[in-house]
């Protein structure tokens, strides 16, 4: 896609939508320039013990039984 075509598309949008597009581009640019987290700083197991999955987790829900018959 040529730059001219992209500019034509952008300029044909209403002003409020163009503003939203520009804000989104700024968001993407900021995200690209952010430094990635150092994987060495991450600690595994920080949430260990905070969640418990009940033994009947995979069992069908009572509300869904009419649809499963």
PDB file of N, CA and C in Angstrom:
ATOM      1  N   UNK A   1       0.851  -1.171   0.000  1.00  0.00           N
ATOM      2  CA  UNK A   1       0.000   0.000   0.000  1.00  0.00           C
ATOM      3  C   UNK A   1       0.899   1.236   0.000  1.00  0.00           C
ATOM      4  N   UNK A   2       0.665   2.113  -0.938  1.00  0.00           N
ATOM      5  CA  UNK A   2       1.524   3.288  -1.048  1.00  0.00           C
ATOM      6  C   UNK A   2       1.184   4.317   0.024  1.00  0.00           C
ATOM      7  N   UNK A   3       2.164   5.156   0.323  1.00  0.00           N
ATOM      8  CA  UNK A   3       1.974   6.202   1.319  1.00  0.00           C
ATOM      9  C   UNK A   3       0.899   7.190   0.858  1.00  0.00           C
ATOM     10  N   UNK A   4       0.857   7.452  -0.452  1.00  0.00           N
ATOM     11  CA  UNK A   4      -0.151   8.374  -0.984  1.00  0.00           C
ATOM     12  C   UNK A   4      -1.554   7.809  -0.748  1.00  0.00           C
ATOM     13  N   UNK A   5      -1.725   6.524  -1.016  1.00  0.00           N
ATOM     14  CA  UNK A   5      -3.019   5.877  -0.810  1.00  0.00           C
ATOM     15  C   UNK A   5      -3.408   5.922   0.666  1.00  0.00           C
ATOM     16  N   UNK A   6      -2.460   5.657   1.550  1.00  0.00           N
ATOM     17  CA  UNK A   6      -2.734   5.685   2.984  1.00  0.00           C
ATOM     18  C   UNK A   6      -3.134   7.091   3.423  1.00  0.00           C
ATOM     19  N   UNK A   7      -2.422   8.100   2.931  1.00  0.00           N
ATOM     20  CA  UNK A   7      -2.748   9.486   3.270  1.00  0.00           C
ATOM     21  C   UNK A   7      -4.138   9.848   2.765  1.00  0.00           C
ATOM     22  N   UNK A   8      -4.471   9.399   1.555  1.00  0.00           N
ATOM     23  CA  UNK A   8      -5.785   9.678   0.982  1.00  0.00           C
ATOM     24  C   UNK A   8      -6.875   9.056   1.834  1.00  0.00           C
ATOM     25  N   UNK A   9      -6.653   7.829   2.253  1.00  0.00           N
ATOM     26  CA  UNK A   9      -7.634   7.159   3.111  1.00  0.00           C
ATOM     27  C   UNK A   9      -7.788   7.896   4.430  1.00  0.00           C
ATOM     28  N   UNK A  10      -6.686   8.259   5.051  1.00  0.00           N
ATOM     29  CA  UNK A  10      -6.721   8.946   6.336  1.00  0.00           C
ATOM     30  C   UNK A  10      -7.412  10.300   6.205  1.00  0.00           C
ATOM     31  N   UNK A  11      -7.090  11.043   5.169  1.00  0.00           N
ATOM     32  CA  UNK A  11      -7.673  12.374   5.034  1.00  0.00           C
ATOM     33  C   UNK A  11      -9.146  12.324   4.646  1.00  0.00           C
ATOM     34  N   UNK A  12      -9.639  11.195   4.170  1.00  0.00           N
ATOM     35  CA  UNK A  12     -11.064  11.104   3.820  1.00  0.00           C
ATOM     36  C   UNK A  12     -11.930  10.778   5.043  1.00  0.00           C
ATOM     37  N   UNK A  13     -11.305  10.490   6.177  1.00  0.00           N
ATOM     38  CA  UNK A  13     -12.057  10.192   7.397  1.00  0.00           C
ATOM     39  C   UNK A  13     -12.538  11.479   8.060  1.00  0.00           C
ATOM     40  N   UNK A  14     -13.640  11.384   8.810  1.00  0.00           N
ATOM     41  CA  UNK A  14     -14.070  12.566   9.581  1.00  0.00           C
ATOM     42  C   UNK A  14     -12.995  12.959  10.594  1.00  0.00           C
ATOM     43  N   UNK A  15     -12.980  14.226  10.981  1.00  0.00           N
ATOM     44  CA  UNK A  15     -11.932  14.752  11.856  1.00  0.00           C
ATOM     45  C   UNK A  15     -11.831  13.989  13.174  1.00  0.00           C
ATOM     46  N   UNK A  16     -12.967  13.637  13.781  1.00  0.00           N
ATOM     47  CA  UNK A  16     -12.914  12.937  15.065  1.00  0.00           C
ATOM     48  C   UNK A  16     -12.324  11.539  14.915  1.00  0.00           C
ATOM     49  N   UNK A  17     -12.594  10.896  13.797  1.00  0.00           N
ATOM     50  CA  UNK A  17     -12.036   9.556  13.558  1.00  0.00           C
ATOM     51  C   UNK A  17     -10.547   9.659  13.274  1.00  0.00           C
ATOM     52  N   UNK A  18     -10.145  10.698  12.513  1.00  0.00           N
ATOM     53  CA  UNK A  18      -8.714  10.912  12.265  1.00  0.00           C
ATOM     54  C   UNK A  18      -7.967  11.090  13.579  1.00  0.00           C
ATOM     55  N   UNK A  19      -8.569  11.824  14.508  1.00  0.00           N
ATOM     56  CA  UNK A  19      -7.948  12.037  15.826  1.00  0.00           C
ATOM     57  C   UNK A  19      -7.780  10.707  16.555  1.00  0.00           C
ATOM     58  N   UNK A  20      -8.793   9.848  16.474  1.00  0.00           N
ATOM     59  CA  UNK A  20      -8.701   8.532  17.106  1.00  0.00           C
ATOM     60  C   UNK A  20      -7.599   7.691  16.473  1.00  0.00           C
ATOM     61  N   UNK A  21      -7.481   7.770  15.162  1.00  0.00           N
ATOM     62  CA  UNK A  21      -6.426   7.030  14.451  1.00  0.00           C
ATOM     63  C   UNK A  21      -5.055   7.523  14.907  1.00  0.00           C
ATOM     64  N   UNK A  22      -4.891   8.832  15.002  1.00  0.00           N
ATOM     65  CA  UNK A  22      -3.604   9.394  15.422  1.00  0.00           C
ATOM     66  C   UNK A  22      -3.276   8.991  16.864  1.00  0.00           C
ATOM     67  N   UNK A  23      -4.283   8.981  17.731  1.00  0.00           N
ATOM     68  CA  UNK A  23      -4.058   8.539  19.114  1.00  0.00           C
ATOM     69  C   UNK A  23      -3.647   7.074  19.153  1.00  0.00           C
ATOM     70  N   UNK A  24      -4.281   6.264  18.299  1.00  0.00           N
ATOM     71  CA  UNK A  24      -3.933   4.840  18.248  1.00  0.00           C
ATOM     72  C   UNK A  24      -2.506   4.652  17.739  1.00  0.00           C
ATOM     73  N   UNK A  25      -2.119   5.421  16.739  1.00  0.00           N
ATOM     74  CA  UNK A  25      -0.755   5.341  16.223  1.00  0.00           C
ATOM     75  C   UNK A  25       0.237   5.730  17.317  1.00  0.00           C
ATOM     76  N   UNK A  26      -0.079   6.788  18.069  1.00  0.00           N
ATOM     77  CA  UNK A  26       0.802   7.201  19.172  1.00  0.00           C
ATOM     78  C   UNK A  26       0.910   6.094  20.215  1.00  0.00           C
ATOM     79  N   UNK A  27      -0.204   5.440  20.514  1.00  0.00           N
ATOM     80  CA  UNK A  27      -0.198   4.318  21.456  1.00  0.00           C
ATOM     81  C   UNK A  27       0.711   3.190  20.957  1.00  0.00           C
ATOM     82  N   UNK A  28       0.576   2.842  19.686  1.00  0.00           N
ATOM     83  CA  UNK A  28       1.401   1.772  19.115  1.00  0.00           C
ATOM     84  C   UNK A  28       2.876   2.143  19.130  1.00  0.00           C
ATOM     85  N   UNK A  29       3.189   3.385  18.804  1.00  0.00           N
ATOM     86  CA  UNK A  29       4.579   3.824  18.801  1.00  0.00           C
ATOM     87  C   UNK A  29       5.165   3.769  20.207  1.00  0.00           C
ATOM     88  N   UNK A  30       4.391   4.178  21.199  1.00  0.00           N
ATOM     89  CA  UNK A  30       4.876   4.116  22.581  1.00  0.00           C
ATOM     90  C   UNK A  30       5.129   2.672  22.983  1.00  0.00           C
ATOM     91  N   UNK A  31       4.219   1.798  22.598  1.00  0.00           N
ATOM     92  CA  UNK A  31       4.360   0.375  22.938  1.00  0.00           C
ATOM     93  C   UNK A  31       5.608  -0.224  22.289  1.00  0.00           C
ATOM     94  N   UNK A  32       5.913   0.211  21.081  1.00  0.00           N
ATOM     95  CA  UNK A  32       7.098  -0.298  20.383  1.00  0.00           C
ATOM     96  C   UNK A  32       8.395   0.180  21.032  1.00  0.00           C
ATOM     97  N   UNK A  33       8.371   1.379  21.588  1.00  0.00           N
ATOM     98  CA  UNK A  33       9.602   1.942  22.141  1.00  0.00           C
ATOM     99  C   UNK A  33       9.827   1.566  23.599  1.00  0.00           C
ATOM    100  N   UNK A  34       8.808   0.985  24.252  1.00  0.00           N
ATOM    101  CA  UNK A  34       8.987   0.556  25.642  1.00  0.00           C
ATOM    102  C   UNK A  34       9.990  -0.579  25.708  1.00  0.00           C
ATOM    103  N   UNK A  35      10.795  -0.561  26.709  1.00  0.00           N
ATOM    104  CA  UNK A  35      11.763  -1.639  26.886  1.00  0.00           C
ATOM    105  C   UNK A  35      11.054  -2.885  27.395  1.00  0.00           C
ATOM    106  N   UNK A  36      11.401  -4.045  26.865  1.00  0.00           N
ATOM    107  CA  UNK A  36      10.772  -5.274  27.369  1.00  0.00           C
ATOM    108  C   UNK A  36      11.242  -5.564  28.793  1.00  0.00           C
ATOM    109  N   UNK A  37      10.398  -6.290  29.518  1.00  0.00           N
ATOM    110  CA  UNK A  37      10.772  -6.673  30.880  1.00  0.00           C
ATOM    111  C   UNK A  37      11.994  -7.576  30.829  1.00  0.00           C
ATOM    112  N   UNK A  38      12.831  -7.439  31.812  1.00  0.00           N
ATOM    113  CA  UNK A  38      13.969  -8.327  31.926  1.00  0.00           C
ATOM    114  C   UNK A  38      13.468  -9.660  32.467  1.00  0.00           C
ATOM    115  N   UNK A  39      13.573 -10.733  31.687  1.00  0.00           N
ATOM    116  CA  UNK A  39      13.036 -12.022  32.144  1.00  0.00           C
ATOM    117  C   UNK A  39      13.663 -12.506  33.459  1.00  0.00           C
ATOM    118  N   UNK A  40      14.850 -12.022  33.780  1.00  0.00           N
ATOM    119  CA  UNK A  40      15.504 -12.444  35.020  1.00  0.00           C
ATOM    120  C   UNK A  40      14.744 -11.909  36.242  1.00  0.00           C
ATOM    121  N   UNK A  41      14.009 -10.796  36.067  1.00  0.00           N
ATOM    122  CA  UNK A  41      13.305 -10.187  37.191  1.00  0.00           C
ATOM    123  C   UNK A  41      11.997 -10.898  37.509  1.00  0.00           C
ATOM    124  N   UNK A  42      11.487 -11.712  36.588  1.00  0.00           N
ATOM    125  CA  UNK A  42      10.229 -12.403  36.811  1.00  0.00           C
ATOM    126  C   UNK A  42      10.434 -13.566  37.771  1.00  0.00           C
ATOM    127  N   UNK A  43       9.496 -13.721  38.671  1.00  0.00           N
ATOM    128  CA  UNK A  43       9.584 -14.804  39.639  1.00  0.00           C
ATOM    129  C   UNK A  43       8.414 -15.747  39.436  1.00  0.00           C
ATOM    130  N   UNK A  44       8.721 -17.003  39.193  1.00  0.00           N
ATOM    131  CA  UNK A  44       7.683 -17.994  38.995  1.00  0.00           C
ATOM    132  C   UNK A  44       7.061 -18.387  40.333  1.00  0.00           C
ATOM    133  N   UNK A  45       5.785 -18.712  40.311  1.00  0.00           N
ATOM    134  CA  UNK A  45       5.119 -19.235  41.493  1.00  0.00           C
ATOM    135  C   UNK A  45       4.599 -18.191  42.452  1.00  0.00           C
ATOM    136  N   UNK A  46       4.576 -16.927  42.066  1.00  0.00           N
ATOM    137  CA  UNK A  46       4.094 -15.894  42.982  1.00  0.00           C
ATOM    138  C   UNK A  46       2.620 -16.078  43.343  1.00  0.00           C
ATOM    139  N   UNK A  47       1.841 -16.679  42.466  1.00  0.00           N
ATOM    140  CA  UNK A  47       0.406 -16.864  42.721  1.00  0.00           C
ATOM    141  C   UNK A  47       0.092 -18.262  43.243  1.00  0.00           C
ATOM    142  N   UNK A  48       1.101 -19.043  43.498  1.00  0.00           N
ATOM    143  CA  UNK A  48       0.882 -20.417  43.954  1.00  0.00           C
ATOM    144  C   UNK A  48       0.050 -20.419  45.232  1.00  0.00           C
ATOM    145  N   UNK A  49      -1.001 -21.229  45.223  1.00  0.00           N
ATOM    146  CA  UNK A  49      -1.861 -21.350  46.384  1.00  0.00           C
ATOM    147  C   UNK A  49      -2.981 -20.323  46.444  1.00  0.00           C
ATOM    148  N   UNK A  50      -2.991 -19.349  45.551  1.00  0.00           N
ATOM    149  CA  UNK A  50      -4.030 -18.324  45.571  1.00  0.00           C
ATOM    150  C   UNK A  50      -5.312 -18.792  44.886  1.00  0.00           C
ATOM    151  N   UNK A  51      -5.192 -19.722  43.956  1.00  0.00           N
ATOM    152  CA  UNK A  51      -6.346 -20.239  43.226  1.00  0.00           C
ATOM    153  C   UNK A  51      -6.472 -21.732  43.458  1.00  0.00           C
ATOM    154  N   UNK A  52      -7.706 -22.168  43.529  1.00  0.00           N
ATOM    155  CA  UNK A  52      -7.942 -23.600  43.671  1.00  0.00           C
ATOM    156  C   UNK A  52      -9.022 -23.996  42.678  1.00  0.00           C
ATOM    157  N   UNK A  53      -8.751 -25.014  41.885  1.00  0.00           N
ATOM    158  CA  UNK A  53      -9.715 -25.507  40.912  1.00  0.00           C
ATOM    159  C   UNK A  53     -10.461 -26.662  41.565  1.00  0.00           C
ATOM    160  N   UNK A  54     -11.787 -26.554  41.671  1.00  0.00           N
ATOM    161  CA  UNK A  54     -12.545 -27.613  42.328  1.00  0.00           C
ATOM    162  C   UNK A  54     -12.492 -28.912  41.518  1.00  0.00           C
ATOM    163  N   UNK A  55     -12.641 -30.056  42.189  1.00  0.00           N
ATOM    164  CA  UNK A  55     -12.558 -31.342  41.484  1.00  0.00           C
ATOM    165  C   UNK A  55     -13.633 -31.502  40.405  1.00  0.00           C
ATOM    166  N   UNK A  56     -14.785 -30.850  40.565  1.00  0.00           N
ATOM    167  CA  UNK A  56     -15.861 -30.998  39.581  1.00  0.00           C
ATOM    168  C   UNK A  56     -15.822 -29.907  38.503  1.00  0.00           C
ATOM    169  N   UNK A  57     -14.690 -29.297  38.301  1.00  0.00           N
ATOM    170  CA  UNK A  57     -14.543 -28.191  37.355  1.00  0.00           C
ATOM    171  C   UNK A  57     -15.007 -28.560  35.947  1.00  0.00           C
ATOM    172  N   UNK A  58     -14.701 -29.781  35.510  1.00  0.00           N
ATOM    173  CA  UNK A  58     -15.032 -30.204  34.145  1.00  0.00           C
ATOM    174  C   UNK A  58     -16.435 -30.781  34.018  1.00  0.00           C
ATOM    175  N   UNK A  59     -17.156 -30.903  35.088  1.00  0.00           N
ATOM    176  CA  UNK A  59     -18.506 -31.472  35.048  1.00  0.00           C
ATOM    177  C   UNK A  59     -19.461 -30.473  34.385  1.00  0.00           C
ATOM    178  N   UNK A  60     -20.485 -30.991  33.683  1.00  0.00           N
ATOM    179  CA  UNK A  60     -21.462 -30.082  33.058  1.00  0.00           C
ATOM    180  C   UNK A  60     -22.212 -29.269  34.114  1.00  0.00           C
ATOM    181  N   UNK A  61     -22.543 -28.043  33.771  1.00  0.00           N
ATOM    182  CA  UNK A  61     -23.295 -27.174  34.663  1.00  0.00           C
ATOM    183  C   UNK A  61     -24.765 -27.581  34.654  1.00  0.00           C
ATOM    184  N   UNK A  62     -25.432 -27.445  35.803  1.00  0.00           N
ATOM    185  CA  UNK A  62     -26.846 -27.768  35.904  1.00  0.00           C
ATOM    186  C   UNK A  62     -27.658 -26.956  34.889  1.00  0.00           C
ATOM    187  N   UNK A  63     -27.328 -25.709  34.715  1.00  0.00           N
ATOM    188  CA  UNK A  63     -28.066 -24.843  33.797  1.00  0.00           C
ATOM    189  C   UNK A  63     -27.972 -25.301  32.344  1.00  0.00           C
ATOM    190  N   UNK A  64     -26.945 -26.059  32.012  1.00  0.00           N
ATOM    191  CA  UNK A  64     -26.733 -26.470  30.624  1.00  0.00           C
ATOM    192  C   UNK A  64     -27.309 -27.852  30.321  1.00  0.00           C
ATOM    193  N   UNK A  65     -27.757 -28.587  31.325  1.00  0.00           N
ATOM    194  CA  UNK A  65     -28.241 -29.949  31.102  1.00  0.00           C
ATOM    195  C   UNK A  65     -29.368 -30.032  30.073  1.00  0.00           C
ATOM    196  N   UNK A  66     -30.350 -29.100  30.051  1.00  0.00           N
ATOM    197  CA  UNK A  66     -31.415 -29.206  29.030  1.00  0.00           C
ATOM    198  C   UNK A  66     -30.859 -29.147  27.594  1.00  0.00           C
ATOM    199  N   UNK A  67     -29.757 -28.454  27.404  1.00  0.00           N
ATOM    200  CA  UNK A  67     -29.189 -28.322  26.069  1.00  0.00           C
ATOM    201  C   UNK A  67     -28.325 -29.514  25.686  1.00  0.00           C
ATOM    202  N   UNK A  68     -27.968 -30.335  26.656  1.00  0.00           N
ATOM    203  CA  UNK A  68     -27.066 -31.451  26.410  1.00  0.00           C
ATOM    204  C   UNK A  68     -27.819 -32.762  26.226  1.00  0.00           C
ATOM    205  N   UNK A  69     -29.128 -32.742  26.381  1.00  0.00           N
ATOM    206  CA  UNK A  69     -29.909 -33.995  26.245  1.00  0.00           C
ATOM    207  C   UNK A  69     -30.338 -34.221  24.834  1.00  0.00           C
TER     208      UNK A  69
END
